[in-house]
């Protein structure tokens, strides 16, 4: 028995994969925003709170 006519799909050109790889290779400046000078201060405050110190 052969397949039904609806089961015979034409070969794709790989457009979805090409698009995904193009997006994966481009830098994402919108997601990886550079931190300002307050980044170090925030880290110090976070570690202080994490240690349980309030002052």
Protein backbone atom coordinates (compact mmCIF):
# COMPACT_ATOMS: atom_id res chain seq x y z
CA UNK A 1 0.00 0.00 0.00
CA UNK A 2 1.22 3.44 -0.78
CA UNK A 3 0.75 6.60 1.22
CA UNK A 4 -2.30 8.76 0.99
CA UNK A 5 -2.04 11.81 -1.27
CA UNK A 6 -2.10 14.15 1.76
CA UNK A 7 0.98 12.40 3.20
CA UNK A 8 3.21 13.30 0.24
CA UNK A 9 4.79 16.59 1.21
CA UNK A 10 7.06 18.56 -1.06
CA UNK A 11 10.63 18.94 0.17
CA UNK A 12 11.26 22.19 1.98
CA UNK A 13 14.15 24.46 1.18
CA UNK A 14 15.06 24.73 4.86
CA UNK A 15 13.81 28.29 5.21
CA UNK A 16 12.92 27.94 8.88
CA UNK A 17 16.33 26.53 9.73
CA UNK A 18 18.10 29.24 7.73
CA UNK A 19 16.12 31.95 9.50
CA UNK A 20 16.79 30.41 12.93
CA UNK A 21 20.53 30.18 12.27
CA UNK A 22 20.63 33.77 11.02
CA UNK A 23 18.96 34.96 14.23
CA UNK A 24 21.22 32.80 16.37
CA UNK A 25 24.37 34.22 14.78
CA UNK A 26 23.44 37.91 15.10
CA UNK A 27 24.32 39.68 18.37
CA UNK A 28 21.33 40.50 20.53
CA UNK A 29 22.01 43.95 21.92
CA UNK A 30 18.42 44.30 23.06
CA UNK A 31 18.67 41.31 25.39
CA UNK A 32 22.21 41.80 26.65
CA UNK A 33 22.12 45.39 27.80
CA UNK A 34 25.33 46.79 29.27
CA UNK A 35 25.10 47.65 32.95
CA UNK A 36 25.93 51.12 34.13
CA UNK A 37 28.16 52.16 36.99
CA UNK A 38 25.46 51.17 39.48
CA UNK A 39 26.01 47.48 38.71
CA UNK A 40 28.91 47.12 41.15
CA UNK A 41 27.02 48.99 43.86
CA UNK A 42 23.97 46.78 43.39
CA UNK A 43 26.14 43.68 43.69
CA UNK A 44 27.67 44.92 46.95
CA UNK A 45 24.21 45.68 48.36
CA UNK A 46 22.87 42.29 47.26
CA UNK A 47 25.76 40.46 48.91
CA UNK A 48 25.29 42.51 52.08
CA UNK A 49 21.60 41.57 52.23
CA UNK A 50 22.41 37.96 51.42
CA UNK A 51 24.82 37.79 54.34
CA UNK A 52 22.05 39.03 56.63
CA UNK A 53 23.51 42.41 57.44
CA UNK A 54 21.12 45.32 57.56
CA UNK A 55 23.60 48.16 58.04
